[in-house]
Amino acid sequence: MIFKFDLKRSLKTSVIFTAIMFIILVLGLIAYKCAFYKQDNFLSFINNLPSFVIKGLGIKTDGNYSFYDFYAILVNFILIIAALFASFIGFFCILKDKKDDADAFYFKKPINKVSIIKQKILACFVLLLASTLIYHIVAFIFIIIIKEKYNFKIMFYIDSSIFLLELVFLLFGALIGLFINKKRSFIAPSIITIFIFEFINILSQAFNITFLKYINPFSYFNVLDIVKTQKYQYRFIVITTFLVLFLSNFIIGVYNSEEE
């Protein structure tokens, strides 16, 4: 079954990136508990940051700072790893110059290409969903360990943001995989591109450049704003839904039109 084949093939990458997300989460929470759990120390650290960074990340500088305000800052870094993770498995599920026997496996039995690409995308979708659920459980455990109040609503919105952002970058990676046949041509540019997206996100927040927020997936899910309002900006959910549907159908169409 193609679904199981691609699920197994991308499992190692998923484990590695999920582990990196765990490490950032744990180190961040340890840093919060050990160094910044006193508000005076934490606010002193915040105030020493460059004003561009403070505005760009939407960091509050008043005294009313909760654990989830800090957690939202931490999630900004986790989102970068999540975007890399999703784009990598999206790209490698499509990559043409595979060294394994994928092509032979795919066409061993009569099967149309639409079914192949749908199962490949579904396998990646399941890996992203599983990774997000495991991350949520680990985050819950560590929040309890450090004796902070667990807020399901905030955590649900934050973790959903991670998953939705991953969906967008999964499809970006798959789209690139249709046209690039060498992983060396993808890895470095993709890392640079994602950091450029994050820089644009900081820029749009720092200088309130509205149009930049609409062209940058990172801006669709402002975690600090989610913590503050405990809801999404639904216009960005609409944009995300459109992107996912458009890219999915475009990828299926291009993949199906290629010669076997």
Protein backbone atom coordinates (compact mmCIF):
# COMPACT_ATOMS: atom_id res chain seq x y z
CA MET A 1 0.00 0.00 0.00
CA ILE A 2 1.42 3.36 -1.07
CA PHE A 3 0.16 5.11 2.07
CA LYS A 4 2.07 2.73 4.36
CA PHE A 5 5.13 2.82 2.11
CA ASP A 6 5.42 6.61 2.26
CA LEU A 7 4.50 6.70 5.93
CA LYS A 8 7.43 4.41 6.71
CA ARG A 9 9.78 6.28 4.38
CA SER A 10 9.16 9.64 6.10
CA LEU A 11 9.01 8.31 9.66
CA LYS A 12 12.70 8.85 10.46
CA THR A 13 12.57 12.50 9.35
CA SER A 14 9.43 12.99 11.44
CA VAL A 15 11.04 11.54 14.55
CA ILE A 16 14.13 13.74 14.16
CA PHE A 17 12.22 17.00 13.73
CA THR A 18 9.69 16.15 16.45
CA ALA A 19 12.60 15.47 18.80
CA ILE A 20 14.11 18.88 17.93
CA MET A 21 10.76 20.52 18.75
CA PHE A 22 10.74 18.68 22.09
CA ILE A 23 14.26 19.85 22.88
CA ILE A 24 13.38 23.49 22.18
CA LEU A 25 10.22 23.13 24.26
CA VAL A 26 11.98 21.55 27.24
CA LEU A 27 14.97 23.90 27.19
CA GLY A 28 12.64 26.89 26.91
CA LEU A 29 10.50 25.79 29.85
CA ILE A 30 13.58 25.03 31.93
CA ALA A 31 14.96 28.48 31.11
CA TYR A 32 11.63 30.03 32.10
CA LYS A 33 11.49 28.18 35.40
CA CYS A 34 15.15 28.55 36.34
CA ALA A 35 16.00 32.04 35.10
CA PHE A 36 12.86 34.02 34.34
CA TYR A 37 10.22 32.77 36.75
CA LYS A 38 10.61 35.99 38.72
CA GLN A 39 8.86 38.68 36.73
CA ASP A 40 11.46 41.32 37.54
CA ASN A 41 14.23 39.18 36.06
CA PHE A 42 12.14 38.28 33.04
CA LEU A 43 11.07 41.86 32.31
CA SER A 44 14.66 43.00 32.71
CA PHE A 45 15.68 40.44 30.09
CA ILE A 46 12.87 41.58 27.76
CA ASN A 47 13.73 45.26 28.11
CA ASN A 48 17.34 44.55 27.14
CA LEU A 49 16.26 43.16 23.78
CA PRO A 50 16.47 45.45 20.71
CA SER A 51 13.25 47.41 20.20
CA PHE A 52 12.97 45.96 16.67
CA VAL A 53 12.85 42.44 18.10
CA ILE A 54 10.38 43.42 20.84
CA LYS A 55 7.98 44.99 18.34
CA GLY A 56 8.57 42.34 15.69
CA LEU A 57 7.77 39.44 17.99
CA GLY A 58 4.93 41.36 19.63
CA ILE A 59 6.49 40.98 23.07
CA LYS A 60 4.74 42.79 25.89
CA THR A 61 6.88 45.08 28.06
CA ASP A 62 4.41 45.77 30.85
CA GLY A 63 4.38 44.01 34.18
CA ASN A 64 1.36 41.85 33.40
CA TYR A 65 3.27 38.88 31.98
CA SER A 66 1.89 35.36 32.23
CA PHE A 67 3.44 31.97 31.57
CA TYR A 68 1.56 31.76 28.28
CA ASP A 69 3.02 35.08 27.13
CA PHE A 70 6.45 33.50 27.53
CA TYR A 71 5.27 30.24 25.96
CA ALA A 72 4.02 32.16 22.91
CA ILE A 73 7.52 33.59 22.38
CA LEU A 74 8.95 30.08 22.64
CA VAL A 75 6.44 28.77 20.09
CA ASN A 76 7.71 31.31 17.53
CA PHE A 77 10.95 29.31 17.41
CA ILE A 78 9.11 25.99 17.37
CA LEU A 79 7.09 27.21 14.37
CA ILE A 80 10.31 27.63 12.39
CA ILE A 81 11.28 24.01 13.08
CA ALA A 82 7.73 22.88 12.29
CA ALA A 83 7.84 24.69 8.93
CA LEU A 84 11.18 23.08 8.07
CA PHE A 85 9.86 19.67 9.11
CA ALA A 86 6.75 19.97 6.96
CA SER A 87 8.54 21.31 3.89
CA PHE A 88 11.15 18.55 4.11
CA ILE A 89 8.71 15.65 4.25
CA GLY A 90 6.59 17.30 1.56
CA PHE A 91 9.60 17.62 -0.72
CA PHE A 92 11.03 14.17 -0.08
CA CYS A 93 7.68 12.44 -0.63
CA ILE A 94 7.72 13.82 -4.19
CA LEU A 95 11.45 13.76 -4.89
CA LYS A 96 12.11 12.09 -8.24
CA ASP A 97 15.74 11.00 -7.88
CA LYS A 98 15.03 8.56 -5.04
CA LYS A 99 17.61 5.94 -4.28
CA ASP A 100 15.03 3.41 -3.14
CA ASP A 101 12.63 1.32 -5.21
CA ALA A 102 9.67 3.67 -4.85
CA ASP A 103 8.86 3.97 -8.54
CA ALA A 104 8.94 0.22 -9.04
CA PHE A 105 6.71 -0.21 -6.03
CA TYR A 106 4.20 2.41 -7.15
CA PHE A 107 3.67 0.97 -10.60
CA LYS A 108 3.95 -2.73 -9.71
CA LYS A 109 0.17 -2.95 -9.94
CA PRO A 110 -2.20 -0.92 -12.12
CA ILE A 111 -2.89 2.30 -10.26
CA ASN A 112 -3.56 5.83 -11.42
CA LYS A 113 -1.26 8.70 -10.51
CA VAL A 114 -4.00 10.69 -8.77
CA SER A 115 -4.37 7.86 -6.26
CA ILE A 116 -0.59 7.77 -5.76
CA ILE A 117 -0.19 11.47 -5.00
CA LYS A 118 -3.27 11.54 -2.76
CA GLN A 119 -1.94 8.67 -0.67
CA LYS A 120 1.49 10.30 -0.47
CA ILE A 121 -0.01 13.58 0.76
CA LEU A 122 -2.26 11.69 3.18
CA ALA A 123 0.78 9.89 4.64
CA CYS A 124 2.49 13.23 5.25
CA PHE A 125 -0.73 14.64 6.72
CA VAL A 126 -0.93 11.76 9.21
CA LEU A 127 2.71 12.25 10.23
CA LEU A 128 2.15 15.96 10.85
CA LEU A 129 -1.01 15.28 12.84
CA ALA A 130 0.69 12.59 14.92
CA SER A 131 3.66 14.87 15.57
CA THR A 132 1.37 17.70 16.70
CA LEU A 133 -0.64 15.44 19.01
CA ILE A 134 2.52 14.02 20.59
CA TYR A 135 3.91 17.54 20.98
CA HIS A 136 0.68 18.61 22.72
CA ILE A 137 0.91 15.70 25.17
CA VAL A 138 4.57 16.42 25.96
CA ALA A 139 3.85 20.14 26.40
CA PHE A 140 0.95 19.28 28.74
CA ILE A 141 3.18 17.01 30.84
CA PHE A 142 5.94 19.61 31.19
CA ILE A 143 3.51 22.42 31.99
CA ILE A 144 2.19 20.28 34.84
CA ILE A 145 5.74 19.39 35.94
CA ILE A 146 6.77 23.04 36.25
CA LYS A 147 3.52 23.67 38.16
CA GLU A 148 1.89 26.09 35.75
CA LYS A 149 -1.84 26.16 35.04
CA TYR A 150 -2.76 24.20 31.92
CA ASN A 151 -5.16 26.14 29.69
CA PHE A 152 -6.64 23.73 27.15
CA LYS A 153 -8.22 26.44 25.00
CA ILE A 154 -4.98 28.38 24.54
CA MET A 155 -2.96 25.21 23.96
CA PHE A 156 -5.51 23.94 21.44
CA TYR A 157 -5.32 27.15 19.42
CA ILE A 158 -1.52 27.22 19.58
CA ASP A 159 -1.09 23.57 18.60
CA SER A 160 -3.67 23.95 15.83
CA SER A 161 -1.63 26.90 14.56
CA ILE A 162 1.47 24.70 14.42
CA PHE A 163 -0.44 22.05 12.47
CA LEU A 164 -2.04 24.48 10.01
CA LEU A 165 1.29 26.18 9.34
CA GLU A 166 2.82 22.75 8.74
CA LEU A 167 0.10 21.95 6.21
CA VAL A 168 0.95 25.04 4.18
CA PHE A 169 4.68 24.31 4.18
CA LEU A 170 4.07 20.61 3.50
CA LEU A 171 2.39 21.58 0.24
CA PHE A 172 5.05 24.19 -0.55
CA GLY A 173 7.68 21.45 -0.17
CA ALA A 174 5.69 19.00 -2.30
CA LEU A 175 5.22 21.66 -4.98
CA ILE A 176 8.96 22.31 -5.15
CA GLY A 177 9.55 18.54 -5.31
CA LEU A 178 7.63 18.43 -8.58
CA PHE A 179 10.17 20.67 -10.28
CA ILE A 180 13.47 20.01 -8.46
CA ASN A 181 15.11 16.60 -8.70
CA LYS A 182 18.08 17.08 -6.37
CA LYS A 183 17.86 17.37 -2.60
CA ARG A 184 20.97 19.54 -2.55
CA SER A 185 19.07 22.09 -4.59
CA PHE A 186 16.30 22.12 -2.00
CA ILE A 187 17.66 21.89 1.54
CA ALA A 188 19.74 25.09 1.81
CA PRO A 189 17.31 27.29 -0.19
CA SER A 190 14.35 26.02 1.83
CA ILE A 191 16.05 26.82 5.13
CA ILE A 192 16.95 30.29 3.87
CA THR A 193 13.42 30.85 2.53
CA ILE A 194 11.78 29.92 5.83
CA PHE A 195 14.05 32.28 7.75
CA ILE A 196 13.23 35.01 5.22
CA PHE A 197 9.53 34.37 5.87
CA GLU A 198 10.16 34.72 9.60
CA PHE A 199 12.12 37.94 9.03
CA ILE A 200 9.22 39.30 6.96
CA ASN A 201 6.91 38.33 9.81
CA ILE A 202 9.02 40.30 12.30
CA LEU A 203 9.23 43.21 9.86
CA SER A 204 5.47 43.33 9.32
CA GLN A 205 4.83 43.26 13.07
CA ALA A 206 7.53 45.81 13.94
CA PHE A 207 6.40 48.39 11.40
CA ASN A 208 2.75 47.31 11.11
CA ILE A 209 3.02 46.65 7.37
CA THR A 210 -0.37 45.08 6.75
CA PHE A 211 0.09 43.74 3.21
CA LEU A 212 3.16 41.72 4.28
CA LYS A 213 0.98 39.82 6.74
CA TYR A 214 -1.12 38.46 3.88
CA ILE A 215 1.81 37.03 1.91
CA ASN A 216 3.58 35.35 4.81
CA PRO A 217 2.24 32.12 6.39
CA PHE A 218 3.99 32.88 9.69
CA SER A 219 1.85 36.01 10.05
CA TYR A 220 -1.37 34.00 9.74
CA PHE A 221 -0.89 32.62 13.24
CA ASN A 222 0.27 35.30 15.66
CA VAL A 223 0.71 33.20 18.77
CA LEU A 224 0.95 36.16 21.15
CA ASP A 225 -2.30 37.49 19.75
CA ILE A 226 -3.88 34.05 20.22
CA VAL A 227 -2.78 34.04 23.88
CA LYS A 228 -4.23 37.52 24.36
CA THR A 229 -7.59 37.00 22.62
CA GLN A 230 -7.90 33.20 22.85
CA LYS A 231 -9.13 33.06 19.27
CA TYR A 232 -7.89 33.10 15.68
CA GLN A 233 -7.97 35.95 13.25
CA TYR A 234 -10.41 34.09 11.03
CA ARG A 235 -9.55 35.95 7.84
CA PHE A 236 -6.18 34.18 7.99
CA ILE A 237 -7.89 30.83 8.52
CA VAL A 238 -9.81 31.48 5.30
CA ILE A 239 -6.56 32.31 3.48
CA THR A 240 -4.90 29.17 4.89
CA THR A 241 -7.84 27.01 3.79
CA PHE A 242 -7.72 28.49 0.31
CA LEU A 243 -3.95 27.93 0.08
CA VAL A 244 -4.23 24.31 1.21
CA LEU A 245 -7.05 23.51 -1.23
CA PHE A 246 -5.43 25.35 -4.14
CA LEU A 247 -1.96 23.86 -3.63
CA SER A 248 -3.36 20.35 -3.10
CA ASN A 249 -5.33 20.43 -6.34
CA PHE A 250 -2.48 22.07 -8.25
CA ILE A 251 0.02 19.45 -7.04
CA ILE A 252 -2.36 16.61 -7.93
CA GLY A 253 -2.92 18.10 -11.38
CA VAL A 254 0.78 18.59 -12.14
CA TYR A 255 1.76 15.16 -10.77
CA ASN A 256 -0.96 13.47 -12.82
CA SER A 257 0.11 15.27 -16.01
CA GLU A 258 3.73 14.12 -15.77
CA GLU A 259 4.89 11.21 -17.87
CA GLU A 260 5.53 8.01 -16.00
